[in-house]
């Protein structure tokens, strides 16, 4: 839900998926790293990214946006803390932690 709320706050559109993304073993491409992650998902809506928002992750099942990023934010639609394809998505937390460490205080 946080990913969708961030999308709406950025002026993006959300839409209902014909078939929700539920359960384990959903392949998602991490565009920045060029890797495929095996993810756990549980959502029935997706964000349609346009404009200045960078698409960071995309579903390989249906091509929907699974992650967005910008200079001051990053968000994913799947559960990076779950580990169906062991620890595939944990680098997402490393990027968030690095942004926090390098932020001006």
PDB file of N, CA and C in Angstrom:
ATOM      1  N   UNK A   1       0.822  -1.190   0.000  1.00  0.00           N
ATOM      2  CA  UNK A   1       0.000   0.000   0.000  1.00  0.00           C
ATOM      3  C   UNK A   1       0.871   1.261   0.000  1.00  0.00           C
ATOM      4  N   UNK A   2       2.011   1.232   0.692  1.00  0.00           N
ATOM      5  CA  UNK A   2       2.879   2.400   0.734  1.00  0.00           C
ATOM      6  C   UNK A   2       3.398   2.778  -0.639  1.00  0.00           C
ATOM      7  N   UNK A   3       3.708   1.784  -1.451  1.00  0.00           N
ATOM      8  CA  UNK A   3       4.185   2.027  -2.820  1.00  0.00           C
ATOM      9  C   UNK A   3       3.106   2.748  -3.631  1.00  0.00           C
ATOM     10  N   UNK A   4       1.874   2.297  -3.501  1.00  0.00           N
ATOM     11  CA  UNK A   4       0.769   2.924  -4.232  1.00  0.00           C
ATOM     12  C   UNK A   4       0.501   4.336  -3.726  1.00  0.00           C
ATOM     13  N   UNK A   5       0.572   4.538  -2.413  1.00  0.00           N
ATOM     14  CA  UNK A   5       0.371   5.877  -1.851  1.00  0.00           C
ATOM     15  C   UNK A   5       1.470   6.833  -2.304  1.00  0.00           C
ATOM     16  N   UNK A   6       2.705   6.357  -2.345  1.00  0.00           N
ATOM     17  CA  UNK A   6       3.794   7.194  -2.838  1.00  0.00           C
ATOM     18  C   UNK A   6       3.545   7.561  -4.291  1.00  0.00           C
ATOM     19  N   UNK A   7       3.126   6.591  -5.088  1.00  0.00           N
ATOM     20  CA  UNK A   7       2.805   6.872  -6.486  1.00  0.00           C
ATOM     21  C   UNK A   7       1.735   7.937  -6.623  1.00  0.00           C
ATOM     22  N   UNK A   8       0.672   7.833  -5.840  1.00  0.00           N
ATOM     23  CA  UNK A   8      -0.395   8.837  -5.884  1.00  0.00           C
ATOM     24  C   UNK A   8       0.119  10.201  -5.436  1.00  0.00           C
ATOM     25  N   UNK A   9       0.959  10.232  -4.403  1.00  0.00           N
ATOM     26  CA  UNK A   9       1.523  11.496  -3.923  1.00  0.00           C
ATOM     27  C   UNK A   9       2.401  12.152  -4.981  1.00  0.00           C
ATOM     28  N   UNK A  10       3.006  11.345  -5.840  1.00  0.00           N
ATOM     29  CA  UNK A  10       3.849  11.866  -6.918  1.00  0.00           C
ATOM     30  C   UNK A  10       3.044  12.217  -8.166  1.00  0.00           C
ATOM     31  N   UNK A  11       1.720  12.040  -8.104  1.00  0.00           N
ATOM     32  CA  UNK A  11       0.862  12.363  -9.237  1.00  0.00           C
ATOM     33  C   UNK A  11       0.720  11.255 -10.254  1.00  0.00           C
ATOM     34  N   UNK A  12       1.097  10.029  -9.860  1.00  0.00           N
ATOM     35  CA  UNK A  12       0.976   8.892 -10.763  1.00  0.00           C
ATOM     36  C   UNK A  12      -0.411   8.271 -10.631  1.00  0.00           C
ATOM     37  N   UNK A  13      -0.745   7.460 -11.578  1.00  0.00           N
ATOM     38  CA  UNK A  13      -2.041   6.780 -11.592  1.00  0.00           C
ATOM     39  C   UNK A  13      -1.872   5.366 -11.056  1.00  0.00           C
ATOM     40  N   UNK A  14      -2.881   4.863 -10.345  1.00  0.00           N
ATOM     41  CA  UNK A  14      -2.915   3.460  -9.960  1.00  0.00           C
ATOM     42  C   UNK A  14      -4.083   2.802 -10.694  1.00  0.00           C
ATOM     43  N   UNK A  15      -3.981   1.503 -10.889  1.00  0.00           N
ATOM     44  CA  UNK A  15      -5.051   0.781 -11.575  1.00  0.00           C
ATOM     45  C   UNK A  15      -5.163  -0.630 -11.020  1.00  0.00           C
ATOM     46  N   UNK A  16      -6.366  -1.185 -11.132  1.00  0.00           N
ATOM     47  CA  UNK A  16      -6.628  -2.546 -10.662  1.00  0.00           C
ATOM     48  C   UNK A  16      -6.083  -3.544 -11.671  1.00  0.00           C
ATOM     49  N   UNK A  17      -5.354  -4.520 -11.152  1.00  0.00           N
ATOM     50  CA  UNK A  17      -4.843  -5.588 -12.009  1.00  0.00           C
ATOM     51  C   UNK A  17      -5.962  -6.582 -12.310  1.00  0.00           C
ATOM     52  N   UNK A  18      -6.010  -7.116 -13.539  1.00  0.00           N
ATOM     53  CA  UNK A  18      -7.042  -8.113 -13.839  1.00  0.00           C
ATOM     54  C   UNK A  18      -6.907  -9.349 -12.949  1.00  0.00           C
ATOM     55  N   UNK A  19      -5.656  -9.699 -12.658  1.00  0.00           N
ATOM     56  CA  UNK A  19      -5.350 -10.803 -11.749  1.00  0.00           C
ATOM     57  C   UNK A  19      -4.281 -10.281 -10.805  1.00  0.00           C
ATOM     58  N   UNK A  20      -4.565 -10.235  -9.519  1.00  0.00           N
ATOM     59  CA  UNK A  20      -3.602  -9.697  -8.565  1.00  0.00           C
ATOM     60  C   UNK A  20      -2.327 -10.519  -8.524  1.00  0.00           C
ATOM     61  N   UNK A  21      -1.299  -9.923  -7.966  1.00  0.00           N
ATOM     62  CA  UNK A  21      -0.028 -10.614  -7.758  1.00  0.00           C
ATOM     63  C   UNK A  21      -0.049 -11.157  -6.333  1.00  0.00           C
ATOM     64  N   UNK A  22      -0.168 -12.454  -6.210  1.00  0.00           N
ATOM     65  CA  UNK A  22      -0.290 -13.073  -4.895  1.00  0.00           C
ATOM     66  C   UNK A  22       0.649 -14.273  -4.798  1.00  0.00           C
ATOM     67  N   UNK A  23       1.303 -14.408  -3.655  1.00  0.00           N
ATOM     68  CA  UNK A  23       2.126 -15.579  -3.394  1.00  0.00           C
ATOM     69  C   UNK A  23       3.598 -15.386  -3.726  1.00  0.00           C
ATOM     70  N   UNK A  24       4.323 -16.483  -3.738  1.00  0.00           N
ATOM     71  CA  UNK A  24       5.772 -16.482  -3.921  1.00  0.00           C
ATOM     72  C   UNK A  24       6.154 -16.749  -5.375  1.00  0.00           C
ATOM     73  N   UNK A  25       7.424 -16.552  -5.641  1.00  0.00           N
ATOM     74  CA  UNK A  25       8.056 -16.897  -6.921  1.00  0.00           C
ATOM     75  C   UNK A  25       7.610 -16.031  -8.088  1.00  0.00           C
ATOM     76  N   UNK A  26       7.426 -14.745  -7.840  1.00  0.00           N
ATOM     77  CA  UNK A  26       7.129 -13.794  -8.905  1.00  0.00           C
ATOM     78  C   UNK A  26       8.447 -13.192  -9.393  1.00  0.00           C
ATOM     79  N   UNK A  27       8.799 -13.386 -10.669  1.00  0.00           N
ATOM     80  CA  UNK A  27      10.053 -12.814 -11.165  1.00  0.00           C
ATOM     81  C   UNK A  27       9.925 -11.313 -11.417  1.00  0.00           C
ATOM     82  N   UNK A  28      10.872 -10.552 -10.879  1.00  0.00           N
ATOM     83  CA  UNK A  28      10.911  -9.100 -11.024  1.00  0.00           C
ATOM     84  C   UNK A  28      12.313  -8.710 -11.460  1.00  0.00           C
ATOM     85  N   UNK A  29      12.412  -7.891 -12.494  1.00  0.00           N
ATOM     86  CA  UNK A  29      13.728  -7.438 -12.950  1.00  0.00           C
ATOM     87  C   UNK A  29      14.116  -6.155 -12.232  1.00  0.00           C
ATOM     88  N   UNK A  30      15.285  -6.180 -11.600  1.00  0.00           N
ATOM     89  CA  UNK A  30      15.897  -4.992 -11.009  1.00  0.00           C
ATOM     90  C   UNK A  30      16.660  -4.327 -12.148  1.00  0.00           C
ATOM     91  N   UNK A  31      16.123  -3.261 -12.684  1.00  0.00           N
ATOM     92  CA  UNK A  31      16.674  -2.641 -13.891  1.00  0.00           C
ATOM     93  C   UNK A  31      18.063  -2.082 -13.644  1.00  0.00           C
ATOM     94  N   UNK A  32      18.301  -1.480 -12.497  1.00  0.00           N
ATOM     95  CA  UNK A  32      19.613  -0.897 -12.194  1.00  0.00           C
ATOM     96  C   UNK A  32      20.721  -1.939 -12.170  1.00  0.00           C
ATOM     97  N   UNK A  33      20.433  -3.070 -11.559  1.00  0.00           N
ATOM     98  CA  UNK A  33      21.459  -4.115 -11.431  1.00  0.00           C
ATOM     99  C   UNK A  33      21.412  -5.142 -12.556  1.00  0.00           C
ATOM    100  N   UNK A  34      20.342  -5.130 -13.342  1.00  0.00           N
ATOM    101  CA  UNK A  34      20.228  -6.090 -14.432  1.00  0.00           C
ATOM    102  C   UNK A  34      20.029  -7.512 -13.955  1.00  0.00           C
ATOM    103  N   UNK A  35      19.427  -7.675 -12.777  1.00  0.00           N
ATOM    104  CA  UNK A  35      19.208  -9.001 -12.212  1.00  0.00           C
ATOM    105  C   UNK A  35      17.728  -9.299 -12.095  1.00  0.00           C
ATOM    106  N   UNK A  36      17.407 -10.568 -12.083  1.00  0.00           N
ATOM    107  CA  UNK A  36      16.031 -10.998 -11.851  1.00  0.00           C
ATOM    108  C   UNK A  36      15.924 -11.462 -10.401  1.00  0.00           C
ATOM    109  N   UNK A  37      14.939 -10.916  -9.692  1.00  0.00           N
ATOM    110  CA  UNK A  37      14.694 -11.280  -8.307  1.00  0.00           C
ATOM    111  C   UNK A  37      13.495 -12.205  -8.236  1.00  0.00           C
ATOM    112  N   UNK A  38      13.535 -13.155  -7.336  1.00  0.00           N
ATOM    113  CA  UNK A  38      12.383 -14.007  -7.064  1.00  0.00           C
ATOM    114  C   UNK A  38      11.710 -13.400  -5.843  1.00  0.00           C
ATOM    115  N   UNK A  39      10.466 -12.927  -6.012  1.00  0.00           N
ATOM    116  CA  UNK A  39       9.824 -12.138  -4.964  1.00  0.00           C
ATOM    117  C   UNK A  39       8.534 -12.761  -4.447  1.00  0.00           C
ATOM    118  N   UNK A  40       8.111 -12.261  -3.290  1.00  0.00           N
ATOM    119  CA  UNK A  40       6.806 -12.576  -2.705  1.00  0.00           C
ATOM    120  C   UNK A  40       5.945 -11.337  -2.881  1.00  0.00           C
ATOM    121  N   UNK A  41       4.695 -11.529  -3.308  1.00  0.00           N
ATOM    122  CA  UNK A  41       3.818 -10.388  -3.554  1.00  0.00           C
ATOM    123  C   UNK A  41       2.422 -10.655  -3.019  1.00  0.00           C
ATOM    124  N   UNK A  42       1.714  -9.555  -2.732  1.00  0.00           N
ATOM    125  CA  UNK A  42       0.330  -9.657  -2.292  1.00  0.00           C
ATOM    126  C   UNK A  42      -0.358  -8.320  -2.549  1.00  0.00           C
ATOM    127  N   UNK A  43      -0.710  -8.059  -3.791  1.00  0.00           N
ATOM    128  CA  UNK A  43      -1.389  -6.809  -4.120  1.00  0.00           C
ATOM    129  C   UNK A  43      -2.262  -6.995  -5.351  1.00  0.00           C
ATOM    130  N   UNK A  44      -3.287  -6.170  -5.436  1.00  0.00           N
ATOM    131  CA  UNK A  44      -4.228  -6.240  -6.547  1.00  0.00           C
ATOM    132  C   UNK A  44      -4.245  -4.995  -7.410  1.00  0.00           C
ATOM    133  N   UNK A  45      -3.401  -4.018  -7.072  1.00  0.00           N
ATOM    134  CA  UNK A  45      -3.313  -2.769  -7.831  1.00  0.00           C
ATOM    135  C   UNK A  45      -1.868  -2.509  -8.200  1.00  0.00           C
ATOM    136  N   UNK A  46      -1.655  -1.703  -9.213  1.00  0.00           N
ATOM    137  CA  UNK A  46      -0.307  -1.350  -9.655  1.00  0.00           C
ATOM    138  C   UNK A  46      -0.244   0.146  -9.939  1.00  0.00           C
ATOM    139  N   UNK A  47       0.977   0.647 -10.004  1.00  0.00           N
ATOM    140  CA  UNK A  47       1.239   2.052 -10.307  1.00  0.00           C
ATOM    141  C   UNK A  47       1.642   2.158 -11.778  1.00  0.00           C
ATOM    142  N   UNK A  48       1.096   3.143 -12.461  1.00  0.00           N
ATOM    143  CA  UNK A  48       1.507   3.419 -13.842  1.00  0.00           C
ATOM    144  C   UNK A  48       2.489   4.587 -13.776  1.00  0.00           C
ATOM    145  N   UNK A  49       3.754   4.318 -14.014  1.00  0.00           N
ATOM    146  CA  UNK A  49       4.791   5.351 -13.893  1.00  0.00           C
ATOM    147  C   UNK A  49       4.905   6.158 -15.179  1.00  0.00           C
ATOM    148  N   UNK A  50       4.955   7.464 -15.017  1.00  0.00           N
ATOM    149  CA  UNK A  50       5.128   8.387 -16.136  1.00  0.00           C
ATOM    150  C   UNK A  50       5.987   9.546 -15.669  1.00  0.00           C
ATOM    151  N   UNK A  51       6.442  10.349 -16.601  1.00  0.00           N
ATOM    152  CA  UNK A  51       7.145  11.585 -16.249  1.00  0.00           C
ATOM    153  C   UNK A  51       8.536  11.364 -15.720  1.00  0.00           C
ATOM    154  N   UNK A  52       8.853  12.079 -14.644  1.00  0.00           N
ATOM    155  CA  UNK A  52      10.207  12.093 -14.102  1.00  0.00           C
ATOM    156  C   UNK A  52      10.510  10.958 -13.142  1.00  0.00           C
ATOM    157  N   UNK A  53       9.584  10.054 -12.950  1.00  0.00           N
ATOM    158  CA  UNK A  53       9.795   8.949 -12.023  1.00  0.00           C
ATOM    159  C   UNK A  53      10.529   7.826 -12.739  1.00  0.00           C
ATOM    160  N   UNK A  54      11.607   7.371 -12.126  1.00  0.00           N
ATOM    161  CA  UNK A  54      12.389   6.269 -12.695  1.00  0.00           C
ATOM    162  C   UNK A  54      11.742   4.946 -12.309  1.00  0.00           C
ATOM    163  N   UNK A  55      11.547   4.079 -13.283  1.00  0.00           N
ATOM    164  CA  UNK A  55      11.076   2.723 -13.004  1.00  0.00           C
ATOM    165  C   UNK A  55      12.312   1.902 -12.652  1.00  0.00           C
ATOM    166  N   UNK A  56      12.347   1.393 -11.418  1.00  0.00           N
ATOM    167  CA  UNK A  56      13.517   0.648 -10.962  1.00  0.00           C
ATOM    168  C   UNK A  56      13.331  -0.860 -11.033  1.00  0.00           C
ATOM    169  N   UNK A  57      12.081  -1.317 -10.987  1.00  0.00           N
ATOM    170  CA  UNK A  57      11.769  -2.747 -11.025  1.00  0.00           C
ATOM    171  C   UNK A  57      10.528  -2.971 -11.883  1.00  0.00           C
ATOM    172  N   UNK A  58      10.522  -4.067 -12.609  1.00  0.00           N
ATOM    173  CA  UNK A  58       9.378  -4.383 -13.460  1.00  0.00           C
ATOM    174  C   UNK A  58       9.064  -5.878 -13.364  1.00  0.00           C
ATOM    175  N   UNK A  59       7.773  -6.202 -13.358  1.00  0.00           N
ATOM    176  CA  UNK A  59       7.335  -7.594 -13.305  1.00  0.00           C
ATOM    177  C   UNK A  59       7.626  -8.264 -14.641  1.00  0.00           C
ATOM    178  N   UNK A  60       8.234  -9.430 -14.580  1.00  0.00           N
ATOM    179  CA  UNK A  60       8.486 -10.182 -15.815  1.00  0.00           C
ATOM    180  C   UNK A  60       7.285 -11.022 -16.220  1.00  0.00           C
ATOM    181  N   UNK A  61       6.280 -11.127 -15.342  1.00  0.00           N
ATOM    182  CA  UNK A  61       5.059 -11.850 -15.701  1.00  0.00           C
ATOM    183  C   UNK A  61       4.136 -11.010 -16.571  1.00  0.00           C
ATOM    184  N   UNK A  62       3.923  -9.742 -16.204  1.00  0.00           N
ATOM    185  CA  UNK A  62       2.958  -8.933 -16.952  1.00  0.00           C
ATOM    186  C   UNK A  62       3.460  -7.535 -17.314  1.00  0.00           C
ATOM    187  N   UNK A  63       4.710  -7.217 -16.992  1.00  0.00           N
ATOM    188  CA  UNK A  63       5.288  -5.935 -17.387  1.00  0.00           C
ATOM    189  C   UNK A  63       4.887  -4.751 -16.528  1.00  0.00           C
ATOM    190  N   UNK A  64       4.170  -4.985 -15.430  1.00  0.00           N
ATOM    191  CA  UNK A  64       3.759  -3.862 -14.587  1.00  0.00           C
ATOM    192  C   UNK A  64       4.939  -3.347 -13.773  1.00  0.00           C
ATOM    193  N   UNK A  65       4.805  -2.099 -13.335  1.00  0.00           N
ATOM    194  CA  UNK A  65       5.841  -1.453 -12.531  1.00  0.00           C
ATOM    195  C   UNK A  65       5.838  -2.066 -11.131  1.00  0.00           C
ATOM    196  N   UNK A  66       6.997  -2.529 -10.685  1.00  0.00           N
ATOM    197  CA  UNK A  66       7.143  -3.099  -9.343  1.00  0.00           C
ATOM    198  C   UNK A  66       8.020  -2.236  -8.454  1.00  0.00           C
ATOM    199  N   UNK A  67       8.647  -1.197  -9.014  1.00  0.00           N
ATOM    200  CA  UNK A  67       9.479  -0.317  -8.211  1.00  0.00           C
ATOM    201  C   UNK A  67       9.664   1.022  -8.900  1.00  0.00           C
ATOM    202  N   UNK A  68       9.705   2.090  -8.105  1.00  0.00           N
ATOM    203  CA  UNK A  68       9.966   3.432  -8.616  1.00  0.00           C
ATOM    204  C   UNK A  68      11.045   4.072  -7.749  1.00  0.00           C
ATOM    205  N   UNK A  69      11.763   5.023  -8.334  1.00  0.00           N
ATOM    206  CA  UNK A  69      12.840   5.686  -7.600  1.00  0.00           C
ATOM    207  C   UNK A  69      12.994   7.109  -8.101  1.00  0.00           C
ATOM    208  N   UNK A  70      13.594   7.915  -7.279  1.00  0.00           N
ATOM    209  CA  UNK A  70      13.900   9.292  -7.612  1.00  0.00           C
ATOM    210  C   UNK A  70      15.068   9.727  -6.756  1.00  0.00           C
ATOM    211  N   UNK A  71      15.446  10.984  -6.827  1.00  0.00           N
ATOM    212  CA  UNK A  71      16.610  11.424  -6.066  1.00  0.00           C
ATOM    213  C   UNK A  71      16.436  11.303  -4.554  1.00  0.00           C
ATOM    214  N   UNK A  72      15.207  11.371  -4.062  1.00  0.00           N
ATOM    215  CA  UNK A  72      14.970  11.340  -2.620  1.00  0.00           C
ATOM    216  C   UNK A  72      14.049  10.221  -2.149  1.00  0.00           C
ATOM    217  N   UNK A  73      13.791   9.238  -2.992  1.00  0.00           N
ATOM    218  CA  UNK A  73      12.887   8.166  -2.583  1.00  0.00           C
ATOM    219  C   UNK A  73      13.146   6.909  -3.394  1.00  0.00           C
ATOM    220  N   UNK A  74      12.681   5.792  -2.865  1.00  0.00           N
ATOM    221  CA  UNK A  74      12.681   4.504  -3.566  1.00  0.00           C
ATOM    222  C   UNK A  74      11.572   3.665  -2.960  1.00  0.00           C
ATOM    223  N   UNK A  75      10.883   2.919  -3.791  1.00  0.00           N
ATOM    224  CA  UNK A  75       9.772   2.117  -3.313  1.00  0.00           C
ATOM    225  C   UNK A  75       9.616   0.892  -4.203  1.00  0.00           C
ATOM    226  N   UNK A  76       9.219  -0.216  -3.597  1.00  0.00           N
ATOM    227  CA  UNK A  76       8.920  -1.427  -4.367  1.00  0.00           C
ATOM    228  C   UNK A  76       7.550  -1.943  -3.978  1.00  0.00           C
ATOM    229  N   UNK A  77       6.913  -2.636  -4.895  1.00  0.00           N
ATOM    230  CA  UNK A  77       5.560  -3.164  -4.694  1.00  0.00           C
ATOM    231  C   UNK A  77       5.580  -4.538  -4.042  1.00  0.00           C
ATOM    232  N   UNK A  78       6.676  -5.258  -4.147  1.00  0.00           N
ATOM    233  CA  UNK A  78       6.770  -6.605  -3.585  1.00  0.00           C
ATOM    234  C   UNK A  78       7.299  -6.535  -2.147  1.00  0.00           C
ATOM    235  N   UNK A  79       7.480  -7.691  -1.524  1.00  0.00           N
ATOM    236  CA  UNK A  79       7.969  -7.770  -0.142  1.00  0.00           C
ATOM    237  C   UNK A  79       9.463  -8.086  -0.152  1.00  0.00           C
ATOM    238  N   UNK A  80      10.336  -7.064  -0.058  1.00  0.00           N
ATOM    239  CA  UNK A  80      11.777  -7.351  -0.118  1.00  0.00           C
ATOM    240  C   UNK A  80      12.298  -8.075   1.125  1.00  0.00           C
ATOM    241  N   UNK A  81      11.536  -8.042   2.218  1.00  0.00           N
ATOM    242  CA  UNK A  81      11.986  -8.711   3.437  1.00  0.00           C
ATOM    243  C   UNK A  81      11.731 -10.213   3.397  1.00  0.00           C
ATOM    244  N   UNK A  82      10.868 -10.679   2.497  1.00  0.00           N
ATOM    245  CA  UNK A  82      10.608 -12.110   2.347  1.00  0.00           C
ATOM    246  C   UNK A  82      11.717 -12.709   1.494  1.00  0.00           C
ATOM    247  N   UNK A  83      11.949 -13.981   1.626  1.00  0.00           N
ATOM    248  CA  UNK A  83      13.105 -14.570   0.953  1.00  0.00           C
ATOM    249  C   UNK A  83      12.771 -15.860   0.211  1.00  0.00           C
ATOM    250  N   UNK A  84      11.941 -15.817  -0.822  1.00  0.00           N
ATOM    251  CA  UNK A  84      11.671 -17.048  -1.551  1.00  0.00           C
ATOM    252  C   UNK A  84      12.840 -17.473  -2.421  1.00  0.00           C
ATOM    253  N   UNK A  85      13.647 -16.520  -2.853  1.00  0.00           N
ATOM    254  CA  UNK A  85      14.747 -16.853  -3.744  1.00  0.00           C
ATOM    255  C   UNK A  85      16.025 -16.361  -3.161  1.00  0.00           C
ATOM    256  N   UNK A  86      16.556 -17.008  -2.195  1.00  0.00           N
ATOM    257  CA  UNK A  86      17.010 -16.510  -0.905  1.00  0.00           C
ATOM    258  C   UNK A  86      17.758 -15.190  -0.967  1.00  0.00           C
ATOM    259  N   UNK A  87      17.187 -14.244  -0.258  1.00  0.00           N
ATOM    260  CA  UNK A  87      17.810 -12.936  -0.043  1.00  0.00           C
ATOM    261  C   UNK A  87      18.014 -12.125  -1.322  1.00  0.00           C
ATOM    262  N   UNK A  88      17.302 -12.451  -2.381  1.00  0.00           N
ATOM    263  CA  UNK A  88      17.458 -11.751  -3.668  1.00  0.00           C
ATOM    264  C   UNK A  88      17.250 -10.244  -3.545  1.00  0.00           C
ATOM    265  N   UNK A  89      16.243  -9.833  -2.794  1.00  0.00           N
ATOM    266  CA  UNK A  89      15.844  -8.429  -2.784  1.00  0.00           C
ATOM    267  C   UNK A  89      16.449  -7.619  -1.642  1.00  0.00           C
ATOM    268  N   UNK A  90      17.284  -8.206  -0.809  1.00  0.00           N
ATOM    269  CA  UNK A  90      17.850  -7.470   0.318  1.00  0.00           C
ATOM    270  C   UNK A  90      18.687  -6.259  -0.081  1.00  0.00           C
ATOM    271  N   UNK A  91      19.340  -6.218  -1.246  1.00  0.00           N
ATOM    272  CA  UNK A  91      20.075  -4.998  -1.616  1.00  0.00           C
ATOM    273  C   UNK A  91      19.194  -3.745  -1.661  1.00  0.00           C
ATOM    274  N   UNK A  92      17.884  -3.896  -1.769  1.00  0.00           N
ATOM    275  CA  UNK A  92      16.993  -2.737  -1.704  1.00  0.00           C
ATOM    276  C   UNK A  92      17.192  -2.010  -0.374  1.00  0.00           C
ATOM    277  N   UNK A  93      17.295  -2.761   0.718  1.00  0.00           N
ATOM    278  CA  UNK A  93      17.494  -2.148   2.029  1.00  0.00           C
ATOM    279  C   UNK A  93      18.870  -1.497   2.138  1.00  0.00           C
ATOM    280  N   UNK A  94      19.872  -2.079   1.478  1.00  0.00           N
ATOM    281  CA  UNK A  94      21.201  -1.467   1.472  1.00  0.00           C
ATOM    282  C   UNK A  94      21.160  -0.095   0.815  1.00  0.00           C
ATOM    283  N   UNK A  95      20.416   0.041  -0.292  1.00  0.00           N
ATOM    284  CA  UNK A  95      20.309   1.340  -0.967  1.00  0.00           C
ATOM    285  C   UNK A  95      19.587   2.354  -0.085  1.00  0.00           C
ATOM    286  N   UNK A  96      18.536   1.928   0.609  1.00  0.00           N
ATOM    287  CA  UNK A  96      17.812   2.829   1.513  1.00  0.00           C
ATOM    288  C   UNK A  96      18.730   3.258   2.652  1.00  0.00           C
ATOM    289  N   UNK A  97      19.449   2.309   3.246  1.00  0.00           N
ATOM    290  CA  UNK A  97      20.349   2.637   4.356  1.00  0.00           C
ATOM    291  C   UNK A  97      21.441   3.600   3.905  1.00  0.00           C
ATOM    292  N   UNK A  98      21.992   3.406   2.730  1.00  0.00           N
ATOM    293  CA  UNK A  98      23.027   4.303   2.220  1.00  0.00           C
ATOM    294  C   UNK A  98      22.478   5.712   2.011  1.00  0.00           C
ATOM    295  N   UNK A  99      21.276   5.830   1.492  1.00  0.00           N
ATOM    296  CA  UNK A  99      20.656   7.149   1.327  1.00  0.00           C
ATOM    297  C   UNK A  99      20.485   7.832   2.677  1.00  0.00           C
ATOM    298  N   UNK A 100      20.101   7.063   3.694  1.00  0.00           N
ATOM    299  CA  UNK A 100      19.934   7.646   5.024  1.00  0.00           C
ATOM    300  C   UNK A 100      21.277   8.113   5.577  1.00  0.00           C
ATOM    301  N   UNK A 101      22.315   7.285   5.408  1.00  0.00           N
ATOM    302  CA  UNK A 101      23.637   7.651   5.923  1.00  0.00           C
ATOM    303  C   UNK A 101      24.202   8.888   5.244  1.00  0.00           C
ATOM    304  N   UNK A 102      23.908   9.061   3.960  1.00  0.00           N
ATOM    305  CA  UNK A 102      24.492  10.171   3.219  1.00  0.00           C
ATOM    306  C   UNK A 102      23.604  11.433   3.227  1.00  0.00           C
ATOM    307  N   UNK A 103      22.451  11.362   3.861  1.00  0.00           N
ATOM    308  CA  UNK A 103      21.549  12.509   3.902  1.00  0.00           C
ATOM    309  C   UNK A 103      22.124  13.632   4.755  1.00  0.00           C
ATOM    310  N   UNK A 104      21.853  14.846   4.338  1.00  0.00           N
ATOM    311  CA  UNK A 104      22.273  15.987   5.129  1.00  0.00           C
ATOM    312  C   UNK A 104      21.459  16.046   6.411  1.00  0.00           C
ATOM    313  N   UNK A 105      22.124  16.381   7.487  1.00  0.00           N
ATOM    314  CA  UNK A 105      21.419  16.490   8.769  1.00  0.00           C
ATOM    315  C   UNK A 105      21.477  17.920   9.284  1.00  0.00           C
TER     316      UNK A 105
END
